Amino acid sequence: MKHPVAVCAFAFLSVASFGQTNSAGKELIRNGGFELLDKPVTTYDQLPSASGWTNANLGLCDVLVPTANAKTVGVPSNDYGTMKPFEGENFAGFFGWKDDVRRNFGSSDPAEVFMPGWNFYSEYPQVELVQPLQENKVYELVFQIALAGNSDRAIRGIGAYPSPVPVKSNHRKFLEMFPEIEFETLINEKEKWTEVRGQFKATGGEQYIVIGLFPYMGLESERIIEGHDNQYAYFYLDAVSLKEVVEVKE
């Protein structure tokens, strides 16, 4: 399934070039590797157990840990596939895309067992920064993303949005803001860590980073299996880092 969008010709991040070459500022992300847990993780939907992290909408993200059951959020094997952390022992996971479908009880055709629901479902992990960003300062955000092995959809539109206040959207669908960082390549290779890296200039006062799928910058989705699919794209997330970019003076 594809959506009519304008596909950018670049296979890199859509970020402005500010000329700085050294990202040497202090780390501003709280618990970017999800190693610090305020309480044990035992099953799905427990992202807030990772210190500093919350959900930006009513979708419930996961923390994946070695001590959890392989049928839920274990590491390396879990309900969504098999994946080793990029670093450390833990990482996070979220549905970037999940079709909201309902069973079609009026059809006897196996191909029409499901019919479209009201909207799409999407989850957004959100982290509080160590301190607010400063006006007109340039920052570099880096994180690792991987499409889970059991995903049957490929997605383009993963990005990050800096916010001055915590985002608390009272729904489970896509967020409507425009991200400062966007990865423009369709992510269709499973169980492989891919680096997302980009720079942006702060307006001042931003104290939260929201990561997820931002369709209003250009969304593309396609099935990557034949026949009936599970209608989701689930992503692993690890090694989130944000630092001020310090210009190298010659």
C-alpha atoms as a PDB file:
ATOM      1  CA  MET A   1       0.000   0.000   0.000  1.00  0.00           C
ATOM      2  CA  LYS A   2       1.365   3.404  -0.957  1.00  0.00           C
ATOM      3  CA  HIS A   3       0.140   6.858  -0.123  1.00  0.00           C
ATOM      4  CA  PRO A   4       0.366   9.720  -2.635  1.00  0.00           C
ATOM      5  CA  VAL A   5       3.235  11.815  -1.330  1.00  0.00           C
ATOM      6  CA  ALA A   6       6.043  13.852  -2.804  1.00  0.00           C
ATOM      7  CA  VAL A   7       9.093  11.638  -2.412  1.00  0.00           C
ATOM      8  CA  CYS A   8      12.343  13.522  -1.874  1.00  0.00           C
ATOM      9  CA  ALA A   9      15.159  12.529  -4.204  1.00  0.00           C
ATOM     10  CA  PHE A  10      17.769  12.636  -1.444  1.00  0.00           C
ATOM     11  CA  ALA A  11      18.636   9.469   0.455  1.00  0.00           C
ATOM     12  CA  PHE A  12      19.868  11.381   3.500  1.00  0.00           C
ATOM     13  CA  LEU A  13      18.445  13.507   6.301  1.00  0.00           C
ATOM     14  CA  SER A  14      16.637  16.681   5.376  1.00  0.00           C
ATOM     15  CA  VAL A  15      18.656  19.015   7.582  1.00  0.00           C
ATOM     16  CA  ALA A  16      20.188  22.397   7.014  1.00  0.00           C
ATOM     17  CA  SER A  17      23.928  22.734   6.740  1.00  0.00           C
ATOM     18  CA  PHE A  18      25.283  25.070   9.415  1.00  0.00           C
ATOM     19  CA  GLY A  19      28.962  24.621   8.718  1.00  0.00           C
ATOM     20  CA  GLN A  20      29.938  23.278  12.146  1.00  0.00           C
ATOM     21  CA  THR A  21      31.997  20.140  12.149  1.00  0.00           C
ATOM     22  CA  ASN A  22      32.383  19.071  15.768  1.00  0.00           C
ATOM     23  CA  SER A  23      29.601  17.927  18.099  1.00  0.00           C
ATOM     24  CA  ALA A  24      31.507  18.241  21.362  1.00  0.00           C
ATOM     25  CA  GLY A  25      28.896  19.590  23.764  1.00  0.00           C
ATOM     26  CA  LYS A  26      27.705  17.679  26.823  1.00  0.00           C
ATOM     27  CA  GLU A  27      25.086  14.951  26.494  1.00  0.00           C
ATOM     28  CA  LEU A  28      21.549  16.355  26.834  1.00  0.00           C
ATOM     29  CA  ILE A  29      19.513  13.144  26.561  1.00  0.00           C
ATOM     30  CA  ARG A  30      18.426  11.467  29.747  1.00  0.00           C
ATOM     31  CA  ASN A  31      19.026   7.725  29.565  1.00  0.00           C
ATOM     32  CA  GLY A  32      19.479   7.495  25.798  1.00  0.00           C
ATOM     33  CA  GLY A  33      20.282   3.779  25.982  1.00  0.00           C
ATOM     34  CA  PHE A  34      17.309   2.831  28.211  1.00  0.00           C
ATOM     35  CA  GLU A  35      19.672   1.237  30.717  1.00  0.00           C
ATOM     36  CA  LEU A  36      18.356   3.104  33.779  1.00  0.00           C
ATOM     37  CA  LEU A  37      15.049   1.622  34.929  1.00  0.00           C
ATOM     38  CA  ASP A  38      12.932   3.152  37.688  1.00  0.00           C
ATOM     39  CA  LYS A  39      11.224  -0.207  38.116  1.00  0.00           C
ATOM     40  CA  PRO A  40      11.600  -3.663  36.518  1.00  0.00           C
ATOM     41  CA  VAL A  41      10.233  -4.239  33.012  1.00  0.00           C
ATOM     42  CA  THR A  42       8.172  -7.428  32.774  1.00  0.00           C
ATOM     43  CA  THR A  43       5.923  -7.070  29.714  1.00  0.00           C
ATOM     44  CA  TYR A  44       4.577  -4.745  26.991  1.00  0.00           C
ATOM     45  CA  ASP A  45       3.783  -1.026  27.294  1.00  0.00           C
ATOM     46  CA  GLN A  46       6.276  -0.110  30.016  1.00  0.00           C
ATOM     47  CA  LEU A  47       8.353   2.669  28.414  1.00  0.00           C
ATOM     48  CA  PRO A  48       7.867   4.967  31.474  1.00  0.00           C
ATOM     49  CA  SER A  49       9.852   2.410  33.495  1.00  0.00           C
ATOM     50  CA  ALA A  50      12.931   3.806  31.698  1.00  0.00           C
ATOM     51  CA  SER A  51      14.052   6.901  33.575  1.00  0.00           C
ATOM     52  CA  GLY A  52      13.222  10.118  31.701  1.00  0.00           C
ATOM     53  CA  TRP A  53      10.980   8.525  29.051  1.00  0.00           C
ATOM     54  CA  THR A  54       7.211   8.847  28.508  1.00  0.00           C
ATOM     55  CA  ASN A  55       4.633   8.335  25.739  1.00  0.00           C
ATOM     56  CA  ALA A  56       3.694  11.381  23.645  1.00  0.00           C
ATOM     57  CA  ASN A  57       0.192  10.090  22.813  1.00  0.00           C
ATOM     58  CA  LEU A  58      -2.096   7.313  24.056  1.00  0.00           C
ATOM     59  CA  GLY A  59      -0.011   4.715  22.236  1.00  0.00           C
ATOM     60  CA  LEU A  60       2.109   2.687  24.644  1.00  0.00           C
ATOM     61  CA  CYS A  61       5.757   2.088  23.719  1.00  0.00           C
ATOM     62  CA  ASP A  62       7.942  -0.718  25.055  1.00  0.00           C
ATOM     63  CA  VAL A  63      11.277  -1.240  26.755  1.00  0.00           C
ATOM     64  CA  LEU A  64      12.957  -4.499  25.737  1.00  0.00           C
ATOM     65  CA  VAL A  65      15.173  -6.173  28.332  1.00  0.00           C
ATOM     66  CA  PRO A  66      17.013  -9.524  28.662  1.00  0.00           C
ATOM     67  CA  THR A  67      15.026 -10.472  31.776  1.00  0.00           C
ATOM     68  CA  ALA A  68      11.622 -10.296  30.029  1.00  0.00           C
ATOM     69  CA  ASN A  69       9.902 -13.266  28.387  1.00  0.00           C
ATOM     70  CA  ALA A  70      10.820 -13.940  24.741  1.00  0.00           C
ATOM     71  CA  LYS A  71       7.078 -14.005  23.954  1.00  0.00           C
ATOM     72  CA  THR A  72       6.758 -10.366  25.037  1.00  0.00           C
ATOM     73  CA  VAL A  73       9.648  -7.866  25.237  1.00  0.00           C
ATOM     74  CA  GLY A  74      12.692 -10.073  25.738  1.00  0.00           C
ATOM     75  CA  VAL A  75      16.202  -9.531  24.355  1.00  0.00           C
ATOM     76  CA  PRO A  76      17.320 -10.755  21.901  1.00  0.00           C
ATOM     77  CA  SER A  77      14.117 -12.710  21.100  1.00  0.00           C
ATOM     78  CA  ASN A  78      10.755 -10.972  21.535  1.00  0.00           C
ATOM     79  CA  ASP A  79       7.248 -10.820  20.118  1.00  0.00           C
ATOM     80  CA  TYR A  80       8.383  -8.582  17.254  1.00  0.00           C
ATOM     81  CA  GLY A  81      11.491 -10.451  16.104  1.00  0.00           C
ATOM     82  CA  THR A  82      15.080 -11.016  17.199  1.00  0.00           C
ATOM     83  CA  MET A  83      17.464  -8.138  17.850  1.00  0.00           C
ATOM     84  CA  LYS A  84      20.584  -7.444  19.862  1.00  0.00           C
ATOM     85  CA  PRO A  85      21.020  -3.980  21.413  1.00  0.00           C
ATOM     86  CA  PHE A  86      23.104  -1.455  19.541  1.00  0.00           C
ATOM     87  CA  GLU A  87      24.801  -0.783  22.863  1.00  0.00           C
ATOM     88  CA  GLY A  88      24.288  -1.876  26.461  1.00  0.00           C
ATOM     89  CA  GLU A  89      21.619  -4.448  27.348  1.00  0.00           C
ATOM     90  CA  ASN A  90      18.267  -2.704  26.771  1.00  0.00           C
ATOM     91  CA  PHE A  91      16.530  -0.785  24.011  1.00  0.00           C
ATOM     92  CA  ALA A  92      13.054   0.585  23.276  1.00  0.00           C
ATOM     93  CA  GLY A  93      10.398  -0.313  20.720  1.00  0.00           C
ATOM     94  CA  PHE A  94       7.362   1.361  19.192  1.00  0.00           C
ATOM     95  CA  PHE A  95       4.779   0.929  16.460  1.00  0.00           C
ATOM     96  CA  GLY A  96       5.603   3.482  13.783  1.00  0.00           C
ATOM     97  CA  TRP A  97       2.642   2.248  11.781  1.00  0.00           C
ATOM     98  CA  LYS A  98      -0.214  -0.117  12.528  1.00  0.00           C
ATOM     99  CA  ASP A  99      -3.368  -0.328  10.449  1.00  0.00           C
ATOM    100  CA  ASP A 100      -6.504   0.140  12.488  1.00  0.00           C
ATOM    101  CA  VAL A 101      -8.641  -2.661  11.079  1.00  0.00           C
ATOM    102  CA  ARG A 102     -11.782  -4.453  12.233  1.00  0.00           C
ATOM    103  CA  ARG A 103     -13.149  -7.860  11.411  1.00  0.00           C
ATOM    104  CA  ASN A 104     -15.596  -8.008   8.508  1.00  0.00           C
ATOM    105  CA  PHE A 105     -18.220 -10.398   9.846  1.00  0.00           C
ATOM    106  CA  GLY A 106     -20.411  -9.907   6.769  1.00  0.00           C
ATOM    107  CA  SER A 107     -17.974 -11.573   4.356  1.00  0.00           C
ATOM    108  CA  SER A 108     -17.173 -15.257   3.831  1.00  0.00           C
ATOM    109  CA  ASP A 109     -14.252 -14.432   1.515  1.00  0.00           C
ATOM    110  CA  PRO A 110     -10.929 -15.150   3.333  1.00  0.00           C
ATOM    111  CA  ALA A 111      -9.381 -12.209   1.521  1.00  0.00           C
ATOM    112  CA  GLU A 112     -11.944  -9.870   3.085  1.00  0.00           C
ATOM    113  CA  VAL A 113     -11.757 -11.033   6.690  1.00  0.00           C
ATOM    114  CA  PHE A 114     -10.659  -7.536   7.728  1.00  0.00           C
ATOM    115  CA  MET A 115     -11.888  -4.105   6.660  1.00  0.00           C
ATOM    116  CA  PRO A 116     -10.432  -0.626   7.281  1.00  0.00           C
ATOM    117  CA  GLY A 117     -11.052   1.010  10.647  1.00  0.00           C
ATOM    118  CA  TRP A 118     -11.244   4.694  11.479  1.00  0.00           C
ATOM    119  CA  ASN A 119      -7.568   5.619  11.408  1.00  0.00           C
ATOM    120  CA  PHE A 120      -4.002   4.409  11.776  1.00  0.00           C
ATOM    121  CA  TYR A 121      -2.260   3.687  15.058  1.00  0.00           C
ATOM    122  CA  SER A 122       1.167   5.091  15.916  1.00  0.00           C
ATOM    123  CA  GLU A 123       3.352   5.332  19.042  1.00  0.00           C
ATOM    124  CA  TYR A 124       5.859   8.017  20.050  1.00  0.00           C
ATOM    125  CA  PRO A 125       8.597   7.678  22.693  1.00  0.00           C
ATOM    126  CA  GLN A 126       9.413  11.016  24.334  1.00  0.00           C
ATOM    127  CA  VAL A 127      12.427  11.946  26.467  1.00  0.00           C
ATOM    128  CA  GLU A 128      13.057  14.883  28.783  1.00  0.00           C
ATOM    129  CA  LEU A 129      16.338  16.735  28.222  1.00  0.00           C
ATOM    130  CA  VAL A 130      18.895  17.482  30.907  1.00  0.00           C
ATOM    131  CA  GLN A 131      18.361  21.226  30.301  1.00  0.00           C
ATOM    132  CA  PRO A 132      16.396  23.432  27.874  1.00  0.00           C
ATOM    133  CA  LEU A 133      17.952  24.204  24.508  1.00  0.00           C
ATOM    134  CA  GLN A 134      19.319  27.693  23.931  1.00  0.00           C
ATOM    135  CA  GLU A 135      18.024  30.065  21.276  1.00  0.00           C
ATOM    136  CA  ASN A 136      19.951  30.025  17.972  1.00  0.00           C
ATOM    137  CA  LYS A 137      22.290  27.287  19.175  1.00  0.00           C
ATOM    138  CA  VAL A 138      22.792  24.389  16.772  1.00  0.00           C
ATOM    139  CA  TYR A 139      22.298  20.848  18.076  1.00  0.00           C
ATOM    140  CA  GLU A 140      22.938  17.430  16.613  1.00  0.00           C
ATOM    141  CA  LEU A 141      20.557  14.549  17.313  1.00  0.00           C
ATOM    142  CA  VAL A 142      21.646  10.953  16.692  1.00  0.00           C
ATOM    143  CA  PHE A 143      19.762   7.723  17.270  1.00  0.00           C
ATOM    144  CA  GLN A 144      19.725   4.139  16.046  1.00  0.00           C
ATOM    145  CA  ILE A 145      16.571   2.656  14.508  1.00  0.00           C
ATOM    146  CA  ALA A 146      15.786  -0.844  13.218  1.00  0.00           C
ATOM    147  CA  LEU A 147      12.722  -2.400  11.595  1.00  0.00           C
ATOM    148  CA  ALA A 148      11.649  -5.432  13.619  1.00  0.00           C
ATOM    149  CA  GLY A 149      11.787  -8.838  11.939  1.00  0.00           C
ATOM    150  CA  ASN A 150       8.052  -9.563  12.164  1.00  0.00           C
ATOM    151  CA  SER A 151       7.064  -6.269  10.547  1.00  0.00           C
ATOM    152  CA  ASP A 152       5.314  -6.628   7.197  1.00  0.00           C
ATOM    153  CA  ARG A 153       5.379  -2.970   6.216  1.00  0.00           C
ATOM    154  CA  ALA A 154       8.228  -0.715   5.128  1.00  0.00           C
ATOM    155  CA  ILE A 155       7.927   2.926   6.171  1.00  0.00           C
ATOM    156  CA  ARG A 156       9.405   6.302   5.293  1.00  0.00           C
ATOM    157  CA  GLY A 157       8.866   9.268   7.606  1.00  0.00           C
ATOM    158  CA  ILE A 158      10.733   8.481  10.839  1.00  0.00           C
ATOM    159  CA  GLY A 159      11.935  11.660  12.515  1.00  0.00           C
ATOM    160  CA  ALA A 160      12.244  13.699  15.696  1.00  0.00           C
ATOM    161  CA  TYR A 161      10.509  16.778  17.053  1.00  0.00           C
ATOM    162  CA  PRO A 162      11.892  19.042  19.832  1.00  0.00           C
ATOM    163  CA  SER A 163       9.199  20.518  22.095  1.00  0.00           C
ATOM    164  CA  PRO A 164       9.273  23.107  24.911  1.00  0.00           C
ATOM    165  CA  VAL A 165       6.613  21.153  26.846  1.00  0.00           C
ATOM    166  CA  PRO A 166       5.800  17.445  27.121  1.00  0.00           C
ATOM    167  CA  VAL A 167       3.550  16.319  24.263  1.00  0.00           C
ATOM    168  CA  LYS A 168       0.381  14.682  25.619  1.00  0.00           C
ATOM    169  CA  SER A 169      -1.863  14.014  22.622  1.00  0.00           C
ATOM    170  CA  ASN A 170      -5.176  12.446  23.615  1.00  0.00           C
ATOM    171  CA  HIS A 171      -5.300   9.932  20.753  1.00  0.00           C
ATOM    172  CA  ARG A 172      -3.443   6.961  19.254  1.00  0.00           C
ATOM    173  CA  LYS A 173      -2.945   8.248  15.727  1.00  0.00           C
ATOM    174  CA  PHE A 174      -0.205  10.187  13.954  1.00  0.00           C
ATOM    175  CA  LEU A 175       1.113  13.411  15.479  1.00  0.00           C
ATOM    176  CA  GLU A 176       0.598  16.419  13.233  1.00  0.00           C
ATOM    177  CA  MET A 177       3.701  18.470  13.988  1.00  0.00           C
ATOM    178  CA  PHE A 178       6.597  18.856  11.562  1.00  0.00           C
ATOM    179  CA  PRO A 179       9.874  17.312  12.784  1.00  0.00           C
ATOM    180  CA  GLU A 180      13.230  19.091  12.808  1.00  0.00           C
ATOM    181  CA  ILE A 181      14.965  15.825  11.887  1.00  0.00           C
ATOM    182  CA  GLU A 182      13.627  13.411   9.280  1.00  0.00           C
ATOM    183  CA  PHE A 183      15.066  10.262   7.741  1.00  0.00           C
ATOM    184  CA  GLU A 184      14.045  10.352   4.097  1.00  0.00           C
ATOM    185  CA  THR A 185      14.869   6.769   3.110  1.00  0.00           C
ATOM    186  CA  LEU A 186      12.253   4.020   3.065  1.00  0.00           C
ATOM    187  CA  ILE A 187      13.249   1.616   5.846  1.00  0.00           C
ATOM    188  CA  ASN A 188      12.643  -1.883   4.475  1.00  0.00           C
ATOM    189  CA  GLU A 189      15.622  -3.937   5.682  1.00  0.00           C
ATOM    190  CA  LYS A 190      14.715  -5.848   8.821  1.00  0.00           C
ATOM    191  CA  GLU A 191      16.759  -6.321  12.008  1.00  0.00           C
ATOM    192  CA  LYS A 192      19.552  -3.941  11.036  1.00  0.00           C
ATOM    193  CA  TRP A 193      20.489  -0.878  13.057  1.00  0.00           C
ATOM    194  CA  THR A 194      20.418   2.297  10.951  1.00  0.00           C
ATOM    195  CA  GLU A 195      21.787   5.616  12.169  1.00  0.00           C
ATOM    196  CA  VAL A 196      19.588   8.706  11.992  1.00  0.00           C
ATOM    197  CA  ARG A 197      21.649  11.878  12.353  1.00  0.00           C
ATOM    198  CA  GLY A 198      20.765  15.518  11.805  1.00  0.00           C
ATOM    199  CA  GLN A 199      21.322  19.081  12.983  1.00  0.00           C
ATOM    200  CA  PHE A 200      18.829  21.835  13.774  1.00  0.00           C
ATOM    201  CA  LYS A 201      18.837  25.366  15.192  1.00  0.00           C
ATOM    202  CA  ALA A 202      16.884  25.742  18.427  1.00  0.00           C
ATOM    203  CA  THR A 203      14.268  28.440  18.873  1.00  0.00           C
ATOM    204  CA  GLY A 204      14.994  28.307  22.608  1.00  0.00           C
ATOM    205  CA  GLY A 205      13.336  26.545  25.504  1.00  0.00           C
ATOM    206  CA  GLU A 206      12.901  23.109  23.917  1.00  0.00           C
ATOM    207  CA  GLN A 207      13.139  20.521  26.674  1.00  0.00           C
ATOM    208  CA  TYR A 208      11.698  17.322  25.160  1.00  0.00           C
ATOM    209  CA  ILE A 209      12.458  15.199  22.102  1.00  0.00           C
ATOM    210  CA  VAL A 210       9.682  13.143  20.486  1.00  0.00           C
ATOM    211  CA  ILE A 211      10.684  10.330  18.103  1.00  0.00           C
ATOM    212  CA  GLY A 212       8.385   8.510  15.705  1.00  0.00           C
ATOM    213  CA  LEU A 213       6.575   8.659  12.382  1.00  0.00           C
ATOM    214  CA  PHE A 214       5.688  12.130  11.105  1.00  0.00           C
ATOM    215  CA  PRO A 215       3.508  11.670   8.010  1.00  0.00           C
ATOM    216  CA  TYR A 216       3.047  15.347   7.187  1.00  0.00           C
ATOM    217  CA  MET A 217       6.673  15.562   6.065  1.00  0.00           C
ATOM    218  CA  GLY A 218       5.922  12.867   3.484  1.00  0.00           C
ATOM    219  CA  LEU A 219       4.721   9.377   4.312  1.00  0.00           C
ATOM    220  CA  GLU A 220       5.364   6.292   2.247  1.00  0.00           C
ATOM    221  CA  SER A 221       4.293   2.778   3.211  1.00  0.00           C
ATOM    222  CA  GLU A 222       4.530  -0.481   1.312  1.00  0.00           C
ATOM    223  CA  ARG A 223       3.939  -4.142   1.989  1.00  0.00           C
ATOM    224  CA  ILE A 224       7.110  -6.220   2.011  1.00  0.00           C
ATOM    225  CA  ILE A 225       5.561  -9.699   2.002  1.00  0.00           C
ATOM    226  CA  GLU A 226       3.106 -11.516  -0.233  1.00  0.00           C
ATOM    227  CA  GLY A 227      -0.377 -12.456   0.934  1.00  0.00           C
ATOM    228  CA  HIS A 228      -1.975 -11.567   4.242  1.00  0.00           C
ATOM    229  CA  ASP A 229       0.251  -9.459   6.491  1.00  0.00           C
ATOM    230  CA  ASN A 230       0.172  -8.362  10.121  1.00  0.00           C
ATOM    231  CA  GLN A 231      -0.288  -4.761   9.008  1.00  0.00           C
ATOM    232  CA  TYR A 232       2.374  -3.093  11.125  1.00  0.00           C
ATOM    233  CA  ALA A 233       5.852  -1.599  11.097  1.00  0.00           C
ATOM    234  CA  TYR A 234       7.467  -1.939  14.514  1.00  0.00           C
ATOM    235  CA  PHE A 235      10.771  -0.206  15.238  1.00  0.00           C
ATOM    236  CA  TYR A 236      13.523  -0.799  17.761  1.00  0.00           C
ATOM    237  CA  LEU A 237      15.235   2.321  19.146  1.00  0.00           C
ATOM    238  CA  ASP A 238      18.596   2.696  20.884  1.00  0.00           C
ATOM    239  CA  ALA A 239      21.542   5.047  21.538  1.00  0.00           C
ATOM    240  CA  VAL A 240      19.664   8.364  21.489  1.00  0.00           C
ATOM    241  CA  SER A 241      22.038  11.322  21.815  1.00  0.00           C
ATOM    242  CA  LEU A 242      21.698  15.119  21.617  1.00  0.00           C
ATOM    243  CA  LYS A 243      24.616  17.522  21.892  1.00  0.00           C
ATOM    244  CA  GLU A 244      25.293  21.138  21.051  1.00  0.00           C
ATOM    245  CA  VAL A 245      27.380  21.516  17.916  1.00  0.00           C
ATOM    246  CA  VAL A 246      30.564  23.404  18.667  1.00  0.00           C
ATOM    247  CA  GLU A 247      32.211  25.155  15.740  1.00  0.00           C
ATOM    248  CA  VAL A 248      35.817  24.258  15.108  1.00  0.00           C
ATOM    249  CA  LYS A 249      37.896  27.407  14.767  1.00  0.00           C
ATOM    250  CA  GLU A 250      40.924  27.197  12.552  1.00  0.00           C
END
